N, C-alpha and C. Protein backbone atom coordinates (compact mmCIF):
# COMPACT_ATOMS: atom_id res chain seq x y z
N UNK A 1 14.89 135.85 4.07
CA UNK A 1 15.54 134.75 4.74
C UNK A 1 16.31 133.66 3.81
N UNK A 2 15.17 133.78 2.09
CA UNK A 2 15.54 132.85 1.35
C UNK A 2 17.27 133.32 0.37
N UNK A 3 17.06 135.04 0.60
CA UNK A 3 18.03 135.90 -0.08
C UNK A 3 19.29 134.96 1.08
N UNK A 4 19.09 135.17 2.11
CA UNK A 4 20.53 134.75 2.97
C UNK A 4 20.35 133.28 2.60
N UNK A 5 19.99 131.90 2.94
CA UNK A 5 19.68 130.62 2.10
C UNK A 5 20.56 130.73 0.95
N UNK A 6 20.13 131.22 -0.23
CA UNK A 6 20.98 131.60 -1.25
C UNK A 6 22.24 131.60 -0.91
N UNK A 7 22.64 133.19 -0.55
CA UNK A 7 23.78 133.07 0.05
C UNK A 7 24.86 131.84 0.99
N UNK A 8 24.11 131.53 1.83
CA UNK A 8 25.04 129.95 2.57
C UNK A 8 25.43 129.34 1.19
N UNK A 9 24.01 128.89 0.76
CA UNK A 9 24.57 127.85 -0.26
C UNK A 9 25.90 127.86 -1.64
N UNK A 10 25.68 129.29 -2.04
CA UNK A 10 26.35 129.66 -3.06
C UNK A 10 28.14 129.95 -2.28
N UNK A 11 28.02 130.45 -0.88
CA UNK A 11 28.96 130.11 -0.34
C UNK A 11 30.24 128.69 -0.22
N UNK A 12 28.79 128.24 0.43
CA UNK A 12 29.66 126.83 0.19
C UNK A 12 30.01 125.77 -0.89
N UNK A 13 28.94 126.10 -1.54
CA UNK A 13 29.41 125.65 -4.00
C UNK A 13 31.02 126.49 -3.81
N UNK A 14 31.32 127.68 -3.40
CA UNK A 14 32.52 128.30 -3.61
C UNK A 14 33.31 127.33 -3.00
N UNK A 15 33.44 127.18 -1.83
CA UNK A 15 34.31 126.62 -0.95
C UNK A 15 34.45 125.40 -1.09
N UNK A 16 33.31 124.00 -1.59
CA UNK A 16 33.43 123.16 -1.80
C UNK A 16 34.22 123.07 -3.57
N UNK A 17 34.17 124.10 -4.40
CA UNK A 17 35.27 124.09 -5.64
C UNK A 17 37.01 124.57 -5.04
N UNK A 18 36.95 124.84 -4.34
CA UNK A 18 38.04 125.43 -4.17
C UNK A 18 38.84 124.33 -2.51
N UNK A 19 39.19 123.17 -3.05
CA UNK A 19 39.18 122.24 -1.98
C UNK A 19 41.08 122.77 -1.37
N UNK A 20 41.04 122.69 -0.24
CA UNK A 20 42.59 123.52 0.68
C UNK A 20 42.54 122.69 2.23
N UNK A 21 43.78 121.88 2.39
CA UNK A 21 44.21 120.69 2.79
C UNK A 21 44.98 121.07 4.13
N UNK A 22 44.87 121.05 5.06
CA UNK A 22 45.80 121.57 6.14
C UNK A 22 46.84 121.33 5.95
N UNK A 23 48.25 121.59 5.92
CA UNK A 23 49.47 120.98 6.12
C UNK A 23 50.18 121.20 7.19
N UNK A 24 50.19 120.51 8.25
CA UNK A 24 50.84 120.90 9.61
C UNK A 24 52.41 120.67 9.38
N UNK A 25 52.78 121.66 9.97
CA UNK A 25 54.41 121.57 10.08
C UNK A 25 55.62 120.46 10.54
N UNK A 26 55.66 119.90 9.94
CA UNK A 26 56.74 118.90 10.53
C UNK A 26 57.70 119.18 11.51
N UNK A 27 58.17 118.50 12.67
CA UNK A 27 59.56 118.58 13.10
C UNK A 27 60.23 118.60 12.53
N UNK A 28 60.27 117.74 11.56
CA UNK A 28 61.68 117.30 10.88
C UNK A 28 62.46 117.93 10.24
N UNK A 29 61.73 119.50 9.72
CA UNK A 29 61.78 120.55 9.46
C UNK A 29 63.04 121.42 10.09
N UNK A 30 62.98 121.41 11.70
CA UNK A 30 63.53 122.10 12.28
C UNK A 30 65.11 121.25 13.02
N UNK A 31 66.25 121.65 12.71
CA UNK A 31 67.23 121.68 13.15
C UNK A 31 67.24 121.37 14.74
N UNK A 32 68.71 120.84 15.45
CA UNK A 32 68.58 121.67 16.68
C UNK A 32 69.01 122.75 16.87
N UNK A 33 70.04 123.30 16.00
CA UNK A 33 69.73 124.82 17.05
C UNK A 33 68.19 125.37 16.83
N UNK A 34 67.53 125.06 15.94
CA UNK A 34 66.41 125.41 15.62
C UNK A 34 65.35 125.33 16.53
N UNK A 35 65.08 124.42 17.17
CA UNK A 35 64.57 124.02 18.38
C UNK A 35 64.92 124.42 19.84
N UNK A 36 66.60 124.84 19.52
CA UNK A 36 67.25 125.18 20.95
C UNK A 36 67.03 126.94 21.00
N UNK A 37 66.96 127.70 19.39
CA UNK A 37 66.80 128.74 19.71
C UNK A 37 64.89 128.93 19.76
N UNK A 38 64.21 128.34 18.93
CA UNK A 38 62.98 128.43 19.03
C UNK A 38 62.17 128.50 20.88
N UNK A 39 62.89 127.61 21.30
CA UNK A 39 62.39 127.18 23.00
C UNK A 39 62.46 128.39 23.44
N UNK A 40 63.22 129.31 23.43
CA UNK A 40 64.04 130.61 23.90
C UNK A 40 62.88 131.72 23.25
N UNK A 41 62.28 131.48 22.76
CA UNK A 41 61.86 132.49 21.95
C UNK A 41 61.14 133.89 23.07
N UNK A 42 61.43 135.30 22.50
CA UNK A 42 60.83 136.04 23.61
C UNK A 42 59.29 136.38 23.51
N UNK A 43 58.97 135.83 22.41
CA UNK A 43 57.32 136.09 21.83
C UNK A 43 56.60 135.24 22.30
N UNK A 44 55.19 135.31 22.62
CA UNK A 44 54.27 134.14 23.69
C UNK A 44 53.82 133.40 22.42
N UNK A 45 53.58 132.12 22.57
CA UNK A 45 53.04 131.14 21.79
C UNK A 45 51.43 132.01 21.19
N UNK A 46 51.05 131.72 20.29
CA UNK A 46 49.96 132.76 19.93
C UNK A 46 49.33 131.26 18.30
N UNK A 47 47.66 131.58 18.69
CA UNK A 47 47.44 130.75 17.43
C UNK A 47 47.16 131.10 16.30
N UNK A 48 47.16 131.05 15.07
CA UNK A 48 47.47 131.66 13.92
C UNK A 48 46.22 131.29 13.33
N UNK A 49 45.21 132.36 13.19
CA UNK A 49 43.65 131.68 12.60
C UNK A 49 44.13 130.75 11.45
N UNK A 50 43.25 129.72 11.06
CA UNK A 50 43.27 128.59 10.39
C UNK A 50 43.12 129.08 8.70
N UNK A 51 42.86 130.08 8.33
CA UNK A 51 42.49 131.16 7.49
C UNK A 51 44.28 131.22 6.74
N UNK A 52 44.58 131.42 7.75
CA UNK A 52 46.32 131.96 7.80
C UNK A 52 47.37 130.78 8.28
N UNK A 53 47.06 129.43 8.46
CA UNK A 53 47.62 128.73 8.79
C UNK A 53 48.47 127.91 7.13
N UNK A 54 49.44 127.06 7.13
CA UNK A 54 49.61 126.37 6.12
C UNK A 54 48.91 125.39 5.44
N UNK A 55 48.28 125.49 3.80
CA UNK A 55 47.00 124.45 3.41
C UNK A 55 48.26 124.40 1.99
N UNK A 56 48.01 123.02 1.46
CA UNK A 56 47.83 122.60 0.04
C UNK A 56 46.97 123.49 -0.47
N UNK A 57 46.66 123.71 -1.22
CA UNK A 57 45.48 124.31 -2.36
C UNK A 57 45.95 123.96 -3.72
N UNK A 58 44.59 124.06 -4.70
CA UNK A 58 44.95 124.22 -6.04
C UNK A 58 45.51 125.36 -6.60
N UNK A 59 45.85 125.62 -7.73
CA UNK A 59 46.88 126.05 -8.04
C UNK A 59 46.46 127.42 -9.49
N UNK A 60 46.01 127.76 -10.11
CA UNK A 60 44.91 128.74 -10.78
C UNK A 60 46.03 129.31 -11.79
N UNK A 61 47.30 129.66 -11.80
CA UNK A 61 48.12 130.73 -12.42
C UNK A 61 49.17 129.81 -13.00
N UNK A 62 50.08 130.88 -14.19
CA UNK A 62 50.55 129.55 -14.95
C UNK A 62 52.22 129.55 -14.62
N UNK A 63 52.69 129.81 -13.21
CA UNK A 63 54.21 130.33 -12.86
C UNK A 63 54.17 128.76 -12.73
N UNK A 64 55.50 128.60 -12.84
CA UNK A 64 56.11 127.15 -13.06
C UNK A 64 56.42 126.85 -11.47
N UNK A 65 56.19 125.26 -11.42
CA UNK A 65 56.50 124.91 -10.04
C UNK A 65 58.01 125.29 -9.55
N UNK A 66 58.08 125.55 -8.25
CA UNK A 66 58.86 125.81 -7.84
C UNK A 66 59.58 127.46 -8.07
N UNK A 67 57.89 128.60 -8.21
CA UNK A 67 58.26 129.98 -8.39
C UNK A 67 57.14 130.24 -6.95
N UNK A 68 57.81 131.23 -6.40
CA UNK A 68 57.08 131.87 -5.24
C UNK A 68 56.08 132.88 -6.01
N UNK A 69 54.91 132.80 -5.36
CA UNK A 69 53.76 134.08 -5.81
C UNK A 69 53.27 134.73 -4.41
N UNK A 70 53.14 136.38 -4.30
CA UNK A 70 52.72 136.48 -3.05
C UNK A 70 51.79 137.23 -2.88
N UNK A 71 50.81 137.02 -2.22
CA UNK A 71 49.45 138.24 -3.29
C UNK A 71 49.22 139.07 -1.63
N UNK A 72 49.48 140.30 -1.80
CA UNK A 72 49.57 141.17 -1.03
C UNK A 72 47.89 141.58 -0.02
N UNK A 73 46.52 141.58 -1.33
CA UNK A 73 46.01 141.99 -0.78
C UNK A 73 45.10 141.02 -0.21
N UNK A 74 45.47 139.47 -0.30
CA UNK A 74 45.19 138.33 0.52
C UNK A 74 45.94 137.78 1.98
N UNK A 75 47.37 138.35 1.74
CA UNK A 75 48.00 138.10 2.55
C UNK A 75 48.61 136.82 2.91
N UNK A 76 48.99 136.16 1.49
CA UNK A 76 49.59 134.73 1.51
C UNK A 76 50.20 134.74 0.21
N UNK A 77 51.64 133.78 0.41
CA UNK A 77 52.23 133.56 0.05
C UNK A 77 52.19 131.70 -0.56
N UNK A 78 52.72 131.79 -1.59
CA UNK A 78 52.33 130.38 -2.68
C UNK A 78 53.57 129.92 -2.99
N UNK A 79 53.35 128.48 -2.54
CA UNK A 79 55.16 127.78 -3.23
C UNK A 79 53.97 126.85 -3.85
N UNK A 80 54.75 127.10 -5.58
CA UNK A 80 54.22 126.56 -6.58
C UNK A 80 54.81 125.01 -6.75
N UNK A 81 53.60 123.99 -6.36
CA UNK A 81 54.03 122.58 -7.12
C UNK A 81 53.66 121.76 -7.98
N UNK A 82 53.84 120.50 -8.33
CA UNK A 82 53.67 120.01 -9.49
C UNK A 82 52.15 119.59 -9.58
N UNK A 83 51.23 120.02 -10.83
CA UNK A 83 50.38 118.91 -10.54
C UNK A 83 49.00 119.71 -10.13
N UNK A 84 49.62 121.32 -10.54
CA UNK A 84 48.22 122.25 -10.44
C UNK A 84 47.86 122.42 -8.91
N UNK A 85 49.02 122.56 -8.23
CA UNK A 85 48.92 122.66 -6.66
C UNK A 85 49.63 123.54 -6.09
N UNK A 86 49.82 124.31 -4.97
CA UNK A 86 50.46 124.81 -4.41
C UNK A 86 50.71 124.76 -2.69
N UNK A 87 51.89 125.18 -2.09
CA UNK A 87 51.17 125.50 -0.43
C UNK A 87 51.42 126.84 -0.24
N UNK A 88 49.92 127.17 0.89
CA UNK A 88 49.67 128.49 0.78
C UNK A 88 50.28 129.15 2.16
N UNK A 89 50.91 129.54 2.20
CA UNK A 89 50.99 130.61 3.70
C UNK A 89 50.39 131.38 3.97
N UNK A 90 50.33 131.99 5.21
CA UNK A 90 49.85 133.36 5.56
C UNK A 90 50.91 134.00 6.34
N UNK A 91 50.67 135.36 5.78
CA UNK A 91 51.78 136.31 5.90
C UNK A 91 51.49 137.53 6.16
N UNK A 92 52.43 138.45 6.84
CA UNK A 92 52.74 140.01 7.04
C UNK A 92 53.27 140.65 6.20
N UNK A 93 52.36 141.31 5.61
CA UNK A 93 52.84 142.25 3.91
C UNK A 93 53.03 143.56 4.53
N UNK A 94 53.66 144.16 3.15
CA UNK A 94 54.28 145.77 4.50
C UNK A 94 52.58 146.85 4.07
N UNK A 95 52.79 148.02 4.68
CA UNK A 95 51.62 148.73 4.45
C UNK A 95 52.15 149.35 2.74
N UNK A 96 51.03 149.18 2.17
CA UNK A 96 51.08 149.58 0.65
C UNK A 96 51.98 150.72 0.35
N UNK A 97 51.96 152.25 0.96
CA UNK A 97 53.18 153.11 0.59
C UNK A 97 55.03 152.64 0.97
N UNK A 98 54.70 150.83 1.18
CA UNK A 98 56.02 151.27 1.64
C UNK A 98 56.45 149.32 0.72
N UNK A 99 55.03 149.05 0.00
CA UNK A 99 55.50 147.33 -0.56
C UNK A 99 55.98 147.65 -1.39
N UNK A 100 57.01 146.45 -1.77
CA UNK A 100 57.49 145.73 -2.94
C UNK A 100 56.85 145.21 -3.85
N UNK A 101 56.49 145.55 -4.91
CA UNK A 101 55.67 144.31 -6.15
C UNK A 101 56.63 144.52 -7.41
N UNK A 102 56.21 143.25 -7.78
CA UNK A 102 57.22 143.22 -9.41
C UNK A 102 57.74 142.00 -8.94
N UNK A 103 58.70 141.33 -10.40
CA UNK A 103 59.41 139.85 -10.61
C UNK A 103 61.15 140.52 -9.66
N UNK A 104 60.89 139.76 -9.08
CA UNK A 104 62.61 138.91 -8.75
C UNK A 104 63.20 137.99 -8.97
N UNK A 105 63.95 137.48 -8.00
CA UNK A 105 64.77 136.32 -7.97
C UNK A 105 65.40 136.19 -5.88
N UNK A 106 65.38 134.99 -6.19
CA UNK A 106 65.98 134.98 -4.73
C UNK A 106 67.57 135.13 -5.12
N UNK A 107 67.96 135.66 -4.53
CA UNK A 107 69.30 136.09 -4.53
C UNK A 107 70.40 135.46 -3.55
N UNK A 108 69.49 135.50 -2.27
CA UNK A 108 70.64 134.76 -1.12
C UNK A 108 69.62 133.89 0.00
N UNK A 109 70.19 133.18 0.40
CA UNK A 109 69.75 132.40 1.40
C UNK A 109 70.66 132.40 2.70
N UNK A 110 69.61 132.82 3.76
CA UNK A 110 70.52 132.60 5.32
C UNK A 110 69.74 132.23 6.49
N UNK A 111 69.82 131.25 7.18
CA UNK A 111 69.70 130.66 8.51
C UNK A 111 69.87 131.83 9.34
N UNK A 112 68.83 131.83 10.40
CA UNK A 112 69.13 133.02 11.67
C UNK A 112 69.87 134.39 11.54
N UNK A 113 69.89 134.66 10.22
CA UNK A 113 70.46 136.22 9.57
C UNK A 113 70.61 137.32 11.01
N UNK A 114 71.39 138.17 10.74
CA UNK A 114 71.47 139.23 11.51
C UNK A 114 70.61 140.15 10.59
N UNK A 115 70.27 141.44 11.40
CA UNK A 115 69.84 142.50 10.70
C UNK A 115 70.42 143.46 11.35
N UNK A 116 70.23 144.77 9.89
CA UNK A 116 70.49 145.82 9.82
C UNK A 116 70.19 146.64 9.08
N UNK A 117 69.13 147.36 10.08
CA UNK A 117 68.11 148.26 9.40
C UNK A 117 68.93 149.10 8.33
N UNK A 118 67.97 149.63 7.75
CA UNK A 118 68.32 150.47 6.55
C UNK A 118 68.42 151.95 7.25
N UNK A 119 68.81 152.48 6.51
CA UNK A 119 68.43 154.67 6.58
C UNK A 119 67.08 154.85 7.18
N UNK A 120 66.47 154.72 5.69
CA UNK A 120 65.00 155.27 5.58
C UNK A 120 64.35 154.34 7.17
N UNK A 121 64.52 152.74 7.15
CA UNK A 121 63.43 152.15 8.04
C UNK A 121 64.28 153.41 9.35
N UNK A 122 65.78 152.94 10.21
CA UNK A 122 65.52 154.38 10.53
C UNK A 122 65.20 155.59 11.02
N UNK A 123 65.56 155.97 10.11
CA UNK A 123 64.27 157.76 9.95
C UNK A 123 62.89 157.32 10.84
N UNK A 124 62.16 156.63 10.40
CA UNK A 124 60.87 155.76 10.45
C UNK A 124 60.64 155.28 12.19
N UNK A 125 61.39 154.13 12.79
CA UNK A 125 61.80 153.75 13.91
C UNK A 125 63.02 154.07 14.83
N UNK A 126 62.71 154.02 15.53
CA UNK A 126 63.33 153.90 17.05
C UNK A 126 64.25 152.39 17.31
N UNK A 127 64.71 151.88 16.08
CA UNK A 127 65.34 150.49 16.60
C UNK A 127 67.24 151.11 16.28
N UNK A 128 67.54 149.74 17.01
CA UNK A 128 69.26 149.52 17.28
C UNK A 128 69.95 150.03 15.83
N UNK A 129 71.04 149.72 15.72
CA UNK A 129 72.03 149.92 14.61
C UNK A 129 72.01 148.45 13.63
N UNK A 130 72.00 147.70 14.95
CA UNK A 130 72.59 145.78 14.50
C UNK A 130 71.83 144.79 15.62
N UNK A 131 71.10 144.03 14.91
CA UNK A 131 70.73 142.81 15.43
C UNK A 131 71.18 141.27 15.44
N UNK A 132 71.84 141.26 16.69
CA UNK A 132 72.49 139.92 15.61
C UNK A 132 71.29 138.82 15.77
N UNK A 133 71.89 137.51 15.37
CA UNK A 133 71.12 136.42 15.21
C UNK A 133 69.87 135.71 16.75
N UNK A 134 69.17 135.52 16.14
CA UNK A 134 68.14 134.90 17.15
C UNK A 134 66.59 134.77 17.19
N UNK A 135 65.72 134.37 18.47
CA UNK A 135 64.23 134.64 17.97
C UNK A 135 64.04 135.82 18.28
N UNK A 136 65.13 136.39 19.16
CA UNK A 136 64.83 138.14 19.49
C UNK A 136 64.56 138.83 18.25
N UNK A 137 65.64 138.56 16.80
CA UNK A 137 65.55 139.22 15.86
C UNK A 137 64.39 139.30 15.12
N UNK A 138 64.28 140.44 14.29
CA UNK A 138 62.97 141.26 13.44
C UNK A 138 63.04 139.93 11.97
N UNK A 139 64.09 139.68 12.07
CA UNK A 139 63.76 138.59 10.64
C UNK A 139 63.81 136.94 11.09
N UNK A 140 63.99 136.34 12.18
CA UNK A 140 63.22 135.31 12.55
C UNK A 140 63.96 134.18 12.07
N UNK A 141 63.92 132.96 11.80
CA UNK A 141 64.97 132.15 11.62
C UNK A 141 65.41 131.81 10.30
N UNK A 142 64.56 131.88 9.38
CA UNK A 142 65.82 132.24 7.74
C UNK A 142 64.94 133.40 6.87
N UNK A 143 65.87 134.08 6.01
CA UNK A 143 65.52 134.91 5.25
C UNK A 143 66.26 134.76 3.75
N UNK A 144 65.05 135.10 2.56
CA UNK A 144 65.10 134.99 1.43
C UNK A 144 65.32 136.75 0.74
N UNK A 145 66.88 136.77 0.46
CA UNK A 145 66.54 137.93 0.12
C UNK A 145 66.47 138.22 -1.53
N UNK A 146 65.58 139.08 -1.87
CA UNK A 146 64.82 139.43 -3.39
C UNK A 146 65.64 139.99 -3.90
N UNK A 147 66.16 139.98 -5.26
CA UNK A 147 67.40 140.78 -6.34
C UNK A 147 66.53 140.92 -6.91
N UNK A 148 66.19 142.27 -7.87
CA UNK A 148 66.02 142.39 -9.40
C UNK A 148 67.33 142.81 -10.27
N UNK A 149 67.73 142.42 -10.99
CA UNK A 149 68.44 143.09 -12.22
C UNK A 149 70.09 142.77 -11.70
N UNK A 150 70.14 142.01 -10.98
CA UNK A 150 71.48 141.30 -9.91
C UNK A 150 71.43 142.36 -9.01
N UNK A 151 70.47 143.40 -8.80
CA UNK A 151 70.90 144.11 -7.25
C UNK A 151 69.64 143.75 -6.03
N UNK A 152 70.18 143.95 -4.90
CA UNK A 152 69.83 143.99 -3.51
C UNK A 152 68.30 144.82 -3.91
N UNK A 153 66.91 144.68 -3.79
CA UNK A 153 66.11 144.80 -3.64
C UNK A 153 65.79 145.39 -2.00
N UNK A 154 66.67 144.82 -0.94
CA UNK A 154 66.58 145.35 0.14
C UNK A 154 65.08 144.74 0.95
N UNK A 155 64.24 144.04 0.08
CA UNK A 155 63.46 143.85 0.59
C UNK A 155 63.50 142.35 0.79
N UNK A 156 63.11 141.33 1.66
CA UNK A 156 63.09 140.09 2.16
C UNK A 156 62.31 139.18 2.52
N UNK A 157 61.85 137.85 2.05
CA UNK A 157 60.79 137.46 2.91
C UNK A 157 61.39 136.46 3.80
N UNK A 158 61.19 136.92 5.54
CA UNK A 158 61.73 136.20 6.34
C UNK A 158 61.09 135.59 7.81
N UNK A 159 61.56 135.08 8.54
CA UNK A 159 60.74 134.74 9.38
C UNK A 159 60.28 136.38 10.72
N UNK A 160 59.31 135.78 12.09
CA UNK A 160 59.39 136.52 12.89
C UNK A 160 59.25 137.12 14.29
N UNK A 161 59.43 137.76 14.64
CA UNK A 161 59.36 137.97 16.42
C UNK A 161 58.33 138.56 16.83
N UNK A 162 57.14 138.41 15.61
CA UNK A 162 55.57 139.12 15.99
C UNK A 162 54.82 138.28 15.04
N UNK A 163 54.41 136.89 15.82
CA UNK A 163 53.66 136.19 15.13
C UNK A 163 52.34 136.42 15.23
N UNK A 164 51.90 136.98 15.88
CA UNK A 164 50.85 137.67 15.87
C UNK A 164 49.78 138.74 15.03
N UNK A 165 50.94 138.90 14.09
CA UNK A 165 50.70 139.86 12.88
C UNK A 165 50.56 139.47 11.44
N UNK A 166 50.29 137.92 11.83
CA UNK A 166 50.10 136.90 10.69
C UNK A 166 49.25 137.56 10.01
N UNK A 167 48.86 137.52 8.74
CA UNK A 167 47.29 137.86 7.85
C UNK A 167 47.11 139.21 7.91
N UNK A 168 48.19 140.50 8.35
CA UNK A 168 48.28 141.80 8.29
C UNK A 168 49.20 142.22 7.75
N UNK A 169 48.64 143.72 7.08
CA UNK A 169 49.82 144.63 6.67
C UNK A 169 50.47 145.92 7.30
N UNK A 170 51.45 145.83 8.02
CA UNK A 170 52.15 146.48 9.13
C UNK A 170 53.66 146.44 8.66
N UNK A 171 54.37 145.41 7.99
CA UNK A 171 55.41 145.68 7.95
C UNK A 171 56.10 146.90 6.74
N UNK A 172 57.36 147.15 7.08
CA UNK A 172 58.30 148.12 6.41
C UNK A 172 58.52 147.29 4.97
N UNK A 173 57.72 146.61 4.13
CA UNK A 173 57.53 146.04 2.87
C UNK A 173 57.91 144.87 2.70
N UNK A 174 58.43 144.19 4.33
CA UNK A 174 59.29 142.46 3.67
C UNK A 174 57.71 142.19 4.03
N UNK A 175 58.17 140.55 3.86
CA UNK A 175 57.30 140.03 3.73
C UNK A 175 57.04 138.51 5.41
N UNK A 176 56.63 138.78 6.10
CA UNK A 176 56.79 138.15 7.26
C UNK A 176 56.30 136.65 7.03
N UNK A 177 56.69 135.40 8.25
CA UNK A 177 55.83 134.25 7.98
C UNK A 177 56.61 134.08 9.62
N UNK A 178 55.46 132.79 9.92
CA UNK A 178 56.15 132.64 11.20
C UNK A 178 57.56 131.39 11.23
N UNK A 179 58.12 131.84 11.96
CA UNK A 179 59.25 130.73 11.77
C UNK A 179 59.23 129.52 11.52
N UNK A 180 58.61 128.71 11.72
CA UNK A 180 57.51 127.76 11.34
C UNK A 180 57.51 127.50 9.82
N UNK A 181 57.07 128.46 9.39
CA UNK A 181 56.61 128.44 8.16
C UNK A 181 58.01 129.04 6.86
N UNK A 182 58.65 130.00 7.56
CA UNK A 182 59.70 129.68 6.96
C UNK A 182 61.06 129.33 7.03
N UNK A 183 60.86 128.36 7.48
CA UNK A 183 62.06 127.48 7.49
C UNK A 183 61.13 126.64 6.97
N UNK A 184 60.05 126.01 6.71
CA UNK A 184 59.70 124.96 5.45
C UNK A 184 59.95 125.74 3.71
N UNK A 185 59.72 126.87 3.52
CA UNK A 185 60.14 127.49 2.55
C UNK A 185 61.23 127.56 1.77
N UNK A 186 62.10 128.02 3.22
CA UNK A 186 63.24 128.39 3.10
C UNK A 186 64.15 126.97 2.55
N UNK A 187 63.40 125.39 2.74
CA UNK A 187 64.45 124.65 2.61
C UNK A 187 63.31 123.87 1.22
N UNK A 188 62.62 124.74 0.57
CA UNK A 188 62.39 123.98 -0.38
C UNK A 188 62.96 124.92 -1.98
N UNK A 189 62.43 125.85 -1.10
CA UNK A 189 63.04 127.37 -2.24
C UNK A 189 64.15 126.80 -2.94
N UNK A 190 64.68 127.37 -3.74
CA UNK A 190 65.55 127.13 -4.31
C UNK A 190 66.81 128.54 -5.01
N UNK A 191 68.30 128.85 -4.81
CA UNK A 191 68.60 129.93 -5.04
C UNK A 191 67.75 130.73 -7.10
N UNK A 192 68.19 131.67 -7.17
CA UNK A 192 67.45 132.28 -8.54
C UNK A 192 66.01 131.99 -9.15
N UNK A 193 64.96 131.20 -8.06
CA UNK A 193 63.82 131.19 -8.19
C UNK A 193 63.08 132.54 -8.14
N UNK A 194 61.87 132.62 -8.99
CA UNK A 194 61.52 133.48 -9.75
C UNK A 194 60.44 133.59 -8.41
N UNK A 195 60.27 135.33 -7.43
CA UNK A 195 59.34 135.58 -6.91
C UNK A 195 58.70 136.58 -7.80
N UNK A 196 57.22 136.52 -7.35
CA UNK A 196 56.44 137.47 -7.89
C UNK A 196 55.87 138.10 -7.13
N UNK A 197 55.80 139.23 -6.80
CA UNK A 197 54.68 140.03 -5.89
C UNK A 197 53.80 140.93 -6.73
N UNK A 198 52.30 140.65 -6.40
CA UNK A 198 51.73 141.12 -6.95
C UNK A 198 51.69 142.37 -6.46
N UNK A 199 50.99 143.41 -7.13
CA UNK A 199 51.07 145.20 -6.47
C UNK A 199 49.54 145.21 -5.30
N UNK A 200 49.30 145.92 -4.87
CA UNK A 200 48.15 146.01 -4.29
C UNK A 200 47.28 146.03 -5.32
N UNK A 201 46.10 145.74 -4.70
CA UNK A 201 44.80 146.09 -5.65
C UNK A 201 45.13 144.73 -6.68
N UNK A 202 45.86 144.16 -7.05
CA UNK A 202 46.30 143.18 -8.10
C UNK A 202 45.76 141.90 -7.91
N UNK A 203 46.16 141.69 -6.59
CA UNK A 203 46.05 140.42 -6.07
C UNK A 203 44.81 139.56 -6.81
N UNK A 204 44.94 137.93 -7.32
CA UNK A 204 43.82 137.12 -7.74
C UNK A 204 43.61 135.89 -7.03
N UNK A 205 44.06 135.97 -5.88
CA UNK A 205 44.04 134.72 -4.89
C UNK A 205 42.53 134.42 -5.10
N UNK A 206 42.06 132.95 -5.70
CA UNK A 206 40.56 132.58 -5.30
C UNK A 206 40.36 132.18 -4.01
N UNK A 207 41.31 132.04 -2.99
CA UNK A 207 41.07 132.47 -1.40
C UNK A 207 40.61 133.22 -0.83
N UNK A 208 41.18 134.79 -1.08
CA UNK A 208 40.56 135.65 -0.87
C UNK A 208 39.40 135.81 -0.39
N UNK A 209 38.75 135.69 0.96
CA UNK A 209 37.23 135.89 1.61
C UNK A 209 36.80 137.47 0.95
N UNK A 210 36.97 138.34 0.86
CA UNK A 210 36.66 139.76 0.00
C UNK A 210 36.34 139.63 -1.48
N UNK A 211 37.06 138.57 -2.16
CA UNK A 211 36.89 138.45 -3.63
C UNK A 211 35.75 137.58 -3.63
N UNK A 212 35.87 136.36 -2.78
CA UNK A 212 34.42 135.47 -2.85
C UNK A 212 32.94 135.98 -2.61
N UNK A 213 33.27 137.61 -1.72
CA UNK A 213 31.98 137.59 -1.54
C UNK A 213 31.87 138.32 -2.20
N UNK A 214 32.71 139.23 -2.77
CA UNK A 214 32.16 139.96 -4.54
C UNK A 214 31.73 139.35 -5.60
N UNK A 215 32.13 138.19 -5.70
CA UNK A 215 31.30 137.08 -6.42
C UNK A 215 30.00 136.68 -6.12
N UNK A 216 29.70 136.30 -5.02
CA UNK A 216 28.35 135.92 -4.13
C UNK A 216 27.27 137.17 -4.40
N UNK A 217 28.26 138.24 -4.28
CA UNK A 217 26.98 139.41 -4.57
C UNK A 217 26.66 139.68 -5.75
N UNK A 218 27.80 139.73 -6.83
CA UNK A 218 27.61 139.89 -8.08
C UNK A 218 26.67 138.82 -9.33
């Protein structure tokens, strides 16, 4: 009983040291076209677990404001703000064998993009050759195209037509966000902004529940 109580107290102390403020999605972010298309979304409304909803959190790394950091272990994307803060978004990440990691830049941004699957995706999945813009599109409401060495990596940060998978690792390597969150990120992120994608098992998010549990047990 004493050991259990100690675990609870330490967990509470950890939570108290790491303040996270829920940041609701403002309707002002949505353009008339966004509202029209999202109102016709072919997927059911889902409640994203609070841990993966948008929060303002403390920032402990050295990336400059305006940078994006993706912790694939924790399923979080961070947009770095001034003053030691960041916006933390919950995301769907790629399966380990398919995931991109490293440093890239935003080479292109697009609203309500079309989707043309790569040859590799077509080998693994039964998908059409091309999907036009709209809420049925797997890229959702916005896409940020990641480039490295002035070449398209073929990896994207984009919206989704499967919001129920936020917080999981099932994508073909791209980073999926809810459409409301990717619209918010799109409005903030600038072309050529740095994007750091931490490799699997290299995540260092203090908000990762598994990491917090490991610290408690040690």
